[in-house]
Structure formats: structure tokens, C-alpha cells
Amino acid sequence: MDKIPSFTIDHNKLLRGIYVSRKDQVGGETVTTFDIRMKEPNREPALHNGAIHTIEHLAATYLRNDPEWKDRVIYWGPMGCLTGNYLLLRGDYSSSDIVELMIRTFRFVAEYEGEIPGAAAKDCGNYLLHDLPMARLEARRYLEETLLNITAEHLTYPDTTDGDH
């Protein structure tokens, strides 16, 4: 089988950031998939299950209520490797187009207090697996260390033309 494009990115060089993972044509429209990378793969600990689950609930709720972007949000969810999230938007975008949206989203998560939306048995398939304090800590770290100081190297995947793939 052919290697899928996301497995051709050199994860040993990948930094925290916002990356365009792929663009697909669906029904005559472009859908942009973003890699919202919160951790440097294989170099720092992955996100704790309870933290990323809570980030998923809070970020998805925030994004689907954002007045500017809510009608373009298709999906927000965690990566299986627990180093970040995927965001799918209707439209053709670059990484820099959503920096402000991600700043607002992660600020919301970092400052959130109260009941976690959708964290009840009738609303969630694993409602006990939440950790708001860790979600806030991880969101604040990503916000302060990456998003608020973002540079070009955090917006474009590392070069993979070195022959490793």
C-alpha cells in the first residue's frame, strides 16, 4: 500500500505549530485539514488522555459557536498520537489564516471555568475521562509558547526532500 501523505512528514523535525495537512475537493468546494500540533512528536510527552479529551470538548464547542468561523467548521478532534488535533474547515486556507482563531480558541480553553460542555453520560461516550486543570495547563502552554510567538517555521511542515521518505 502507498504511504499516506501525513506519514511522509518527518516527525523528528516537526515543531509545535499550525500546519496545512491536506486540501481536498468535496462537492466542488475545498476542505482544508489543519494539523494543530501542540507537542513536538517523539521529543516531549504526549498529551494526557483526559486533557486532550477536555480540549476536544471545549475547542469544538468554542469553534462551532465562533461568529466568524462557525459555518466553516467541519470537524475538530484529537490525533491518535496525542500530540495535537485536526481542524477541518470548509474553504481554501493557509496556516496563517487561522492563527488568530487558534489564539482565541486556546485562550478560551486556558481560561475556562465551570462544567465541561458535553461531559455527561448521556452526551459523551467516556464522560469520566476529563481533566480540566491539565487541559487548561496544556492550552496555556501552547498559547504562550507557540501561538503568541508564532513564526514561519511553525506554519510550514519541515522539508521532507532529504530522501528519508
N, C-alpha and C. Protein backbone atom coordinates (compact mmCIF):
# COMPACT_ATOMS: atom_id res chain seq x y z
N MET A 1 0.83 -1.19 0.00
CA MET A 1 0.00 0.00 0.00
C MET A 1 0.87 1.25 0.00
N ASP A 2 0.35 2.30 -0.59
CA ASP A 2 1.06 3.58 -0.59
C ASP A 2 0.99 4.22 0.78
N LYS A 3 2.06 4.90 1.14
CA LYS A 3 2.11 5.63 2.40
C LYS A 3 1.23 6.87 2.27
N ILE A 4 0.37 7.11 3.25
CA ILE A 4 -0.49 8.29 3.17
C ILE A 4 0.35 9.54 3.45
N PRO A 5 -0.06 10.70 2.89
CA PRO A 5 0.78 11.91 2.99
C PRO A 5 1.18 12.30 4.41
N SER A 6 0.30 12.14 5.38
CA SER A 6 0.66 12.57 6.74
C SER A 6 1.79 11.74 7.34
N PHE A 7 2.02 10.54 6.80
CA PHE A 7 3.12 9.72 7.28
C PHE A 7 4.43 10.03 6.56
N THR A 8 4.40 10.98 5.62
CA THR A 8 5.63 11.35 4.92
C THR A 8 6.27 12.58 5.54
N ILE A 9 5.63 13.17 6.54
CA ILE A 9 6.19 14.32 7.26
C ILE A 9 7.23 13.79 8.23
N ASP A 10 8.41 14.39 8.26
CA ASP A 10 9.46 13.95 9.18
C ASP A 10 9.10 14.43 10.59
N HIS A 11 8.50 13.55 11.36
CA HIS A 11 8.06 13.90 12.71
C HIS A 11 9.22 14.18 13.66
N ASN A 12 10.43 13.76 13.29
CA ASN A 12 11.60 14.08 14.11
C ASN A 12 11.99 15.55 13.99
N LYS A 13 11.50 16.23 12.96
CA LYS A 13 11.79 17.65 12.75
C LYS A 13 10.59 18.54 13.06
N LEU A 14 9.44 17.93 13.28
CA LEU A 14 8.19 18.68 13.41
C LEU A 14 8.14 19.44 14.74
N LEU A 15 7.81 20.72 14.64
CA LEU A 15 7.68 21.59 15.81
C LEU A 15 6.21 21.77 16.16
N ARG A 16 5.96 22.33 17.33
CA ARG A 16 4.60 22.74 17.65
C ARG A 16 4.21 23.84 16.67
N GLY A 17 2.97 23.86 16.25
CA GLY A 17 2.54 24.89 15.31
C GLY A 17 1.19 24.61 14.71
N ILE A 18 0.95 25.27 13.57
CA ILE A 18 -0.28 25.11 12.79
C ILE A 18 0.16 24.81 11.37
N TYR A 19 -0.27 23.67 10.84
CA TYR A 19 0.17 23.26 9.52
C TYR A 19 -1.03 22.86 8.66
N VAL A 20 -0.95 23.14 7.37
CA VAL A 20 -1.94 22.60 6.44
C VAL A 20 -1.52 21.16 6.17
N SER A 21 -2.37 20.24 6.59
CA SER A 21 -2.09 18.82 6.41
C SER A 21 -2.48 18.36 5.01
N ARG A 22 -3.62 18.85 4.54
CA ARG A 22 -4.09 18.48 3.20
C ARG A 22 -5.23 19.38 2.77
N LYS A 23 -5.50 19.38 1.48
CA LYS A 23 -6.66 20.07 0.92
C LYS A 23 -7.36 19.09 0.00
N ASP A 24 -8.67 18.97 0.17
CA ASP A 24 -9.46 18.04 -0.62
C ASP A 24 -10.60 18.78 -1.30
N GLN A 25 -10.97 18.31 -2.47
CA GLN A 25 -12.14 18.83 -3.15
C GLN A 25 -13.33 17.95 -2.78
N VAL A 26 -14.36 18.56 -2.22
CA VAL A 26 -15.55 17.84 -1.82
C VAL A 26 -16.76 18.62 -2.35
N GLY A 27 -17.48 18.01 -3.28
CA GLY A 27 -18.67 18.66 -3.82
C GLY A 27 -18.39 20.03 -4.41
N GLY A 28 -17.25 20.20 -5.06
CA GLY A 28 -16.93 21.47 -5.69
C GLY A 28 -16.33 22.51 -4.76
N GLU A 29 -16.16 22.16 -3.51
CA GLU A 29 -15.55 23.08 -2.54
C GLU A 29 -14.25 22.48 -2.00
N THR A 30 -13.36 23.35 -1.55
CA THR A 30 -12.13 22.89 -0.92
C THR A 30 -12.38 22.72 0.57
N VAL A 31 -11.88 21.63 1.11
CA VAL A 31 -11.85 21.40 2.56
C VAL A 31 -10.39 21.38 2.96
N THR A 32 -10.01 22.27 3.88
CA THR A 32 -8.63 22.34 4.35
C THR A 32 -8.54 21.63 5.70
N THR A 33 -7.61 20.69 5.79
CA THR A 33 -7.35 19.99 7.04
C THR A 33 -6.08 20.57 7.66
N PHE A 34 -6.22 21.03 8.90
CA PHE A 34 -5.09 21.61 9.63
C PHE A 34 -4.60 20.64 10.69
N ASP A 35 -3.30 20.60 10.84
CA ASP A 35 -2.59 19.88 11.89
C ASP A 35 -2.30 20.93 12.96
N ILE A 36 -3.01 20.86 14.08
CA ILE A 36 -2.82 21.78 15.19
C ILE A 36 -1.91 21.06 16.18
N ARG A 37 -0.61 21.21 15.98
CA ARG A 37 0.39 20.41 16.69
C ARG A 37 0.77 21.08 18.00
N MET A 38 0.38 20.46 19.10
CA MET A 38 0.62 21.02 20.44
C MET A 38 1.90 20.51 21.08
N LYS A 39 2.42 19.41 20.59
CA LYS A 39 3.62 18.79 21.17
C LYS A 39 4.60 18.44 20.06
N GLU A 40 5.89 18.49 20.36
CA GLU A 40 6.90 18.03 19.41
C GLU A 40 6.93 16.51 19.47
N PRO A 41 6.54 15.84 18.38
CA PRO A 41 6.45 14.38 18.39
C PRO A 41 7.77 13.72 18.78
N ASN A 42 7.66 12.71 19.59
CA ASN A 42 8.79 11.86 19.99
C ASN A 42 9.86 12.60 20.79
N ARG A 43 9.62 13.87 21.13
CA ARG A 43 10.61 14.63 21.89
C ARG A 43 10.04 15.20 23.18
N GLU A 44 8.73 15.28 23.29
CA GLU A 44 8.13 15.69 24.56
C GLU A 44 6.94 14.79 24.83
N PRO A 45 6.54 14.66 26.08
CA PRO A 45 5.43 13.76 26.40
C PRO A 45 4.16 14.15 25.66
N ALA A 46 3.44 13.14 25.23
CA ALA A 46 2.15 13.36 24.57
C ALA A 46 1.15 13.95 25.56
N LEU A 47 0.06 14.44 25.03
CA LEU A 47 -1.00 14.97 25.87
C LEU A 47 -1.67 13.84 26.64
N HIS A 48 -2.00 14.07 27.89
CA HIS A 48 -2.72 13.11 28.72
C HIS A 48 -4.12 12.92 28.14
N ASN A 49 -4.61 11.69 28.18
CA ASN A 49 -5.93 11.39 27.60
C ASN A 49 -7.04 12.29 28.12
N GLY A 50 -7.09 12.51 29.42
CA GLY A 50 -8.13 13.36 29.99
C GLY A 50 -8.01 14.80 29.54
N ALA A 51 -6.77 15.27 29.39
CA ALA A 51 -6.56 16.66 28.96
C ALA A 51 -6.98 16.86 27.51
N ILE A 52 -6.56 15.96 26.62
CA ILE A 52 -6.91 16.15 25.21
C ILE A 52 -8.41 15.95 24.98
N HIS A 53 -9.03 15.07 25.75
CA HIS A 53 -10.47 14.89 25.64
C HIS A 53 -11.21 16.17 26.04
N THR A 54 -10.76 16.80 27.11
CA THR A 54 -11.37 18.05 27.56
C THR A 54 -11.10 19.17 26.55
N ILE A 55 -9.88 19.23 26.01
CA ILE A 55 -9.57 20.21 24.97
C ILE A 55 -10.49 20.00 23.78
N GLU A 56 -10.73 18.74 23.42
CA GLU A 56 -11.63 18.45 22.30
C GLU A 56 -13.02 19.04 22.56
N HIS A 57 -13.58 18.76 23.72
CA HIS A 57 -14.93 19.26 24.04
C HIS A 57 -14.97 20.78 24.03
N LEU A 58 -14.00 21.41 24.67
CA LEU A 58 -14.02 22.87 24.79
C LEU A 58 -13.73 23.55 23.45
N ALA A 59 -12.73 23.08 22.73
CA ALA A 59 -12.37 23.71 21.45
C ALA A 59 -13.49 23.51 20.43
N ALA A 60 -14.04 22.31 20.35
CA ALA A 60 -15.13 22.07 19.40
C ALA A 60 -16.33 22.96 19.71
N THR A 61 -16.65 23.09 20.98
CA THR A 61 -17.77 23.95 21.38
C THR A 61 -17.47 25.41 21.01
N TYR A 62 -16.26 25.86 21.32
CA TYR A 62 -15.89 27.24 21.01
C TYR A 62 -15.95 27.50 19.50
N LEU A 63 -15.32 26.63 18.73
CA LEU A 63 -15.24 26.83 17.28
C LEU A 63 -16.61 26.81 16.63
N ARG A 64 -17.49 25.94 17.09
CA ARG A 64 -18.82 25.83 16.48
C ARG A 64 -19.76 26.95 16.93
N ASN A 65 -19.25 27.80 17.81
CA ASN A 65 -20.01 28.98 18.25
C ASN A 65 -19.34 30.29 17.84
N ASP A 66 -18.15 30.22 17.24
CA ASP A 66 -17.44 31.43 16.83
C ASP A 66 -18.21 32.12 15.71
N PRO A 67 -18.60 33.39 15.91
CA PRO A 67 -19.45 34.06 14.92
C PRO A 67 -18.84 34.12 13.51
N GLU A 68 -17.53 34.27 13.42
CA GLU A 68 -16.87 34.40 12.13
C GLU A 68 -16.67 33.06 11.43
N TRP A 69 -16.37 32.00 12.19
CA TRP A 69 -15.93 30.74 11.61
C TRP A 69 -16.92 29.57 11.73
N LYS A 70 -17.95 29.68 12.55
CA LYS A 70 -18.78 28.52 12.87
C LYS A 70 -19.38 27.81 11.66
N ASP A 71 -19.71 28.55 10.61
CA ASP A 71 -20.31 27.93 9.43
C ASP A 71 -19.28 27.24 8.54
N ARG A 72 -18.00 27.39 8.86
CA ARG A 72 -16.94 26.76 8.08
C ARG A 72 -16.33 25.56 8.80
N VAL A 73 -16.64 25.39 10.08
CA VAL A 73 -16.06 24.29 10.87
C VAL A 73 -16.75 22.98 10.51
N ILE A 74 -15.96 22.02 10.06
CA ILE A 74 -16.47 20.68 9.76
C ILE A 74 -16.16 19.73 10.91
N TYR A 75 -14.94 19.83 11.45
CA TYR A 75 -14.53 18.85 12.47
C TYR A 75 -13.37 19.41 13.27
N TRP A 76 -13.35 19.08 14.56
CA TRP A 76 -12.22 19.30 15.45
C TRP A 76 -12.07 18.02 16.26
N GLY A 77 -10.87 17.44 16.28
CA GLY A 77 -10.68 16.24 17.08
C GLY A 77 -9.23 15.89 17.27
N PRO A 78 -8.95 15.05 18.26
CA PRO A 78 -7.56 14.71 18.61
C PRO A 78 -6.91 13.76 17.62
N MET A 79 -5.59 13.88 17.50
CA MET A 79 -4.79 12.93 16.74
C MET A 79 -4.61 11.67 17.58
N GLY A 80 -4.53 10.56 16.92
CA GLY A 80 -4.32 9.31 17.63
C GLY A 80 -3.02 9.27 18.41
N CYS A 81 -1.99 9.99 17.95
CA CYS A 81 -0.70 10.01 18.63
C CYS A 81 -0.71 10.93 19.86
N LEU A 82 -1.79 11.67 20.06
CA LEU A 82 -1.98 12.55 21.23
C LEU A 82 -0.95 13.68 21.28
N THR A 83 -0.52 14.16 20.11
CA THR A 83 0.38 15.31 20.08
C THR A 83 -0.31 16.55 19.52
N GLY A 84 -1.58 16.45 19.21
CA GLY A 84 -2.30 17.60 18.69
C GLY A 84 -3.69 17.23 18.23
N ASN A 85 -4.25 18.10 17.41
CA ASN A 85 -5.63 17.97 16.95
C ASN A 85 -5.71 18.25 15.46
N TYR A 86 -6.79 17.77 14.86
CA TYR A 86 -7.09 18.13 13.47
C TYR A 86 -8.28 19.07 13.46
N LEU A 87 -8.18 20.08 12.61
CA LEU A 87 -9.28 21.00 12.36
C LEU A 87 -9.56 20.97 10.87
N LEU A 88 -10.80 20.66 10.49
CA LEU A 88 -11.21 20.67 9.10
C LEU A 88 -12.15 21.84 8.89
N LEU A 89 -11.80 22.68 7.91
CA LEU A 89 -12.60 23.86 7.59
C LEU A 89 -13.04 23.82 6.14
N ARG A 90 -14.26 24.25 5.89
CA ARG A 90 -14.75 24.44 4.54
C ARG A 90 -14.09 25.70 3.99
N GLY A 91 -13.35 25.54 2.89
CA GLY A 91 -12.66 26.67 2.28
C GLY A 91 -11.19 26.35 2.06
N ASP A 92 -10.55 27.20 1.26
CA ASP A 92 -9.15 27.03 0.90
C ASP A 92 -8.32 28.03 1.72
N TYR A 93 -7.60 27.52 2.72
CA TYR A 93 -6.89 28.39 3.66
C TYR A 93 -5.42 28.01 3.78
N SER A 94 -4.65 28.96 4.27
CA SER A 94 -3.27 28.70 4.66
C SER A 94 -3.20 28.70 6.19
N SER A 95 -2.09 28.24 6.72
CA SER A 95 -1.93 28.20 8.18
C SER A 95 -2.07 29.57 8.81
N SER A 96 -1.51 30.58 8.17
CA SER A 96 -1.56 31.93 8.74
C SER A 96 -2.99 32.47 8.82
N ASP A 97 -3.90 31.96 8.00
CA ASP A 97 -5.29 32.43 8.02
C ASP A 97 -6.01 32.13 9.33
N ILE A 98 -5.54 31.13 10.07
CA ILE A 98 -6.29 30.74 11.27
C ILE A 98 -5.52 30.98 12.57
N VAL A 99 -4.41 31.68 12.51
CA VAL A 99 -3.64 31.92 13.74
C VAL A 99 -4.50 32.64 14.78
N GLU A 100 -5.16 33.71 14.39
CA GLU A 100 -5.98 34.46 15.36
C GLU A 100 -7.12 33.60 15.91
N LEU A 101 -7.71 32.78 15.06
CA LEU A 101 -8.77 31.87 15.52
C LEU A 101 -8.21 30.89 16.56
N MET A 102 -7.02 30.36 16.32
CA MET A 102 -6.43 29.42 17.27
C MET A 102 -6.03 30.13 18.57
N ILE A 103 -5.57 31.36 18.48
CA ILE A 103 -5.27 32.12 19.69
C ILE A 103 -6.53 32.28 20.53
N ARG A 104 -7.63 32.67 19.90
CA ARG A 104 -8.89 32.82 20.63
C ARG A 104 -9.36 31.49 21.22
N THR A 105 -9.24 30.42 20.42
CA THR A 105 -9.69 29.09 20.87
C THR A 105 -8.89 28.62 22.07
N PHE A 106 -7.58 28.71 21.99
CA PHE A 106 -6.75 28.21 23.08
C PHE A 106 -6.79 29.13 24.30
N ARG A 107 -7.04 30.41 24.11
CA ARG A 107 -7.25 31.31 25.24
C ARG A 107 -8.54 30.91 25.96
N PHE A 108 -9.58 30.59 25.19
CA PHE A 108 -10.85 30.13 25.77
C PHE A 108 -10.62 28.89 26.62
N VAL A 109 -9.90 27.91 26.09
CA VAL A 109 -9.64 26.67 26.84
C VAL A 109 -8.80 26.97 28.07
N ALA A 110 -7.76 27.77 27.92
CA ALA A 110 -6.84 28.06 29.03
C ALA A 110 -7.54 28.78 30.18
N GLU A 111 -8.56 29.55 29.88
CA GLU A 111 -9.25 30.34 30.90
C GLU A 111 -10.59 29.75 31.33
N TYR A 112 -10.96 28.62 30.76
CA TYR A 112 -12.30 28.07 31.00
C TYR A 112 -12.48 27.62 32.45
N GLU A 113 -13.62 27.97 33.00
CA GLU A 113 -14.03 27.50 34.33
C GLU A 113 -15.47 27.03 34.23
N GLY A 114 -15.80 26.03 35.00
CA GLY A 114 -17.19 25.57 35.01
C GLY A 114 -17.33 24.17 34.48
N GLU A 115 -18.57 23.82 34.19
CA GLU A 115 -18.90 22.50 33.67
C GLU A 115 -18.36 22.36 32.25
N ILE A 116 -17.77 21.22 31.95
CA ILE A 116 -17.27 20.95 30.61
C ILE A 116 -18.46 20.62 29.73
N PRO A 117 -18.64 21.33 28.62
CA PRO A 117 -19.77 21.05 27.74
C PRO A 117 -19.74 19.60 27.25
N GLY A 118 -20.87 18.94 27.32
CA GLY A 118 -20.98 17.58 26.82
C GLY A 118 -20.32 16.52 27.67
N ALA A 119 -19.98 16.84 28.91
CA ALA A 119 -19.29 15.87 29.77
C ALA A 119 -20.26 15.19 30.74
N ALA A 120 -21.37 14.74 30.20
CA ALA A 120 -22.35 13.97 30.98
C ALA A 120 -22.53 12.63 30.29
N ALA A 121 -22.95 11.62 31.03
CA ALA A 121 -23.07 10.27 30.49
C ALA A 121 -23.97 10.23 29.25
N LYS A 122 -25.02 11.02 29.22
CA LYS A 122 -25.93 11.00 28.08
C LYS A 122 -25.36 11.71 26.85
N ASP A 123 -24.31 12.51 27.05
CA ASP A 123 -23.74 13.32 25.95
C ASP A 123 -22.41 12.80 25.42
N CYS A 124 -21.72 11.93 26.16
CA CYS A 124 -20.34 11.58 25.84
C CYS A 124 -20.11 10.09 26.08
N GLY A 125 -19.35 9.47 25.18
CA GLY A 125 -19.08 8.05 25.29
C GLY A 125 -18.08 7.67 26.37
N ASN A 126 -17.38 8.62 26.93
CA ASN A 126 -16.42 8.35 28.01
C ASN A 126 -16.38 9.59 28.91
N TYR A 127 -17.52 9.91 29.49
CA TYR A 127 -17.70 11.18 30.21
C TYR A 127 -16.81 11.32 31.45
N LEU A 128 -16.29 10.23 31.97
CA LEU A 128 -15.42 10.32 33.15
C LEU A 128 -13.98 10.66 32.79
N LEU A 129 -13.63 10.56 31.51
CA LEU A 129 -12.25 10.80 31.08
C LEU A 129 -12.06 12.28 30.72
N HIS A 130 -12.06 13.13 31.71
CA HIS A 130 -11.83 14.56 31.52
C HIS A 130 -10.88 15.06 32.60
N ASP A 131 -10.08 16.06 32.22
CA ASP A 131 -9.14 16.66 33.16
C ASP A 131 -9.01 18.14 32.82
N LEU A 132 -9.90 18.95 33.38
CA LEU A 132 -9.91 20.37 33.08
C LEU A 132 -8.63 21.08 33.52
N PRO A 133 -8.10 20.83 34.71
CA PRO A 133 -6.85 21.52 35.08
C PRO A 133 -5.70 21.23 34.10
N MET A 134 -5.55 19.99 33.67
CA MET A 134 -4.48 19.68 32.71
C MET A 134 -4.79 20.25 31.33
N ALA A 135 -6.04 20.26 30.93
CA ALA A 135 -6.42 20.86 29.65
C ALA A 135 -6.08 22.34 29.65
N ARG A 136 -6.39 23.02 30.74
CA ARG A 136 -6.08 24.45 30.85
C ARG A 136 -4.57 24.68 30.81
N LEU A 137 -3.81 23.86 31.52
CA LEU A 137 -2.36 23.98 31.54
C LEU A 137 -1.77 23.77 30.16
N GLU A 138 -2.17 22.72 29.46
CA GLU A 138 -1.65 22.42 28.12
C GLU A 138 -2.05 23.51 27.12
N ALA A 139 -3.28 23.99 27.22
CA ALA A 139 -3.74 25.05 26.32
C ALA A 139 -2.95 26.34 26.56
N ARG A 140 -2.72 26.67 27.81
CA ARG A 140 -1.96 27.87 28.15
C ARG A 140 -0.53 27.77 27.63
N ARG A 141 0.07 26.60 27.79
CA ARG A 141 1.43 26.40 27.30
C ARG A 141 1.51 26.56 25.79
N TYR A 142 0.60 25.94 25.08
CA TYR A 142 0.58 26.05 23.62
C TYR A 142 0.32 27.50 23.19
N LEU A 143 -0.59 28.15 23.86
CA LEU A 143 -0.90 29.55 23.57
C LEU A 143 0.33 30.44 23.77
N GLU A 144 0.93 30.36 24.96
CA GLU A 144 2.03 31.26 25.31
C GLU A 144 3.34 30.93 24.61
N GLU A 145 3.65 29.63 24.47
CA GLU A 145 4.95 29.25 23.91
C GLU A 145 4.95 29.12 22.39
N THR A 146 3.78 28.95 21.80
CA THR A 146 3.73 28.75 20.35
C THR A 146 2.89 29.80 19.66
N LEU A 147 1.62 29.85 19.96
CA LEU A 147 0.71 30.71 19.18
C LEU A 147 1.02 32.19 19.29
N LEU A 148 1.34 32.67 20.48
CA LEU A 148 1.58 34.10 20.65
C LEU A 148 2.94 34.54 20.11
N ASN A 149 3.79 33.57 19.77
CA ASN A 149 5.13 33.87 19.23
C ASN A 149 5.35 33.14 17.91
N ILE A 150 4.30 32.89 17.17
CA ILE A 150 4.40 32.01 16.00
C ILE A 150 5.27 32.62 14.91
N THR A 151 6.07 31.77 14.29
CA THR A 151 6.94 32.17 13.18
C THR A 151 6.68 31.26 11.99
N ALA A 152 7.28 31.57 10.88
CA ALA A 152 7.08 30.80 9.65
C ALA A 152 7.41 29.32 9.83
N GLU A 153 8.42 29.01 10.63
CA GLU A 153 8.79 27.59 10.80
C GLU A 153 7.73 26.80 11.57
N HIS A 154 6.80 27.50 12.19
CA HIS A 154 5.70 26.84 12.91
C HIS A 154 4.42 26.83 12.07
N LEU A 155 4.54 27.25 10.81
CA LEU A 155 3.38 27.32 9.92
C LEU A 155 3.55 26.50 8.65
N THR A 156 4.74 25.93 8.45
CA THR A 156 5.03 25.14 7.25
C THR A 156 5.73 23.86 7.69
N TYR A 157 5.24 22.74 7.17
CA TYR A 157 5.87 21.46 7.51
C TYR A 157 7.36 21.48 7.17
N PRO A 158 8.17 20.77 7.97
CA PRO A 158 9.61 20.69 7.66
C PRO A 158 9.81 20.03 6.30
N ASP A 159 10.88 20.39 5.65
CA ASP A 159 11.23 19.83 4.35
C ASP A 159 11.39 18.32 4.47
N THR A 160 10.75 17.60 3.55
CA THR A 160 10.87 16.15 3.56
C THR A 160 11.62 15.64 2.33
N THR A 161 12.36 16.53 1.69
CA THR A 161 13.05 16.13 0.45
C THR A 161 14.44 15.59 0.73
N ASP A 162 14.73 15.22 1.96
CA ASP A 162 16.07 14.72 2.28
C ASP A 162 16.26 13.25 1.95
N GLY A 163 15.25 12.65 1.30
CA GLY A 163 15.40 11.27 0.86
C GLY A 163 14.98 10.25 1.89
N ASP A 164 14.55 10.67 3.07
CA ASP A 164 14.14 9.72 4.10
C ASP A 164 12.78 9.10 3.81
N HIS A 165 12.01 9.70 2.92
CA HIS A 165 10.64 9.22 2.73
C HIS A 165 10.41 8.74 1.34
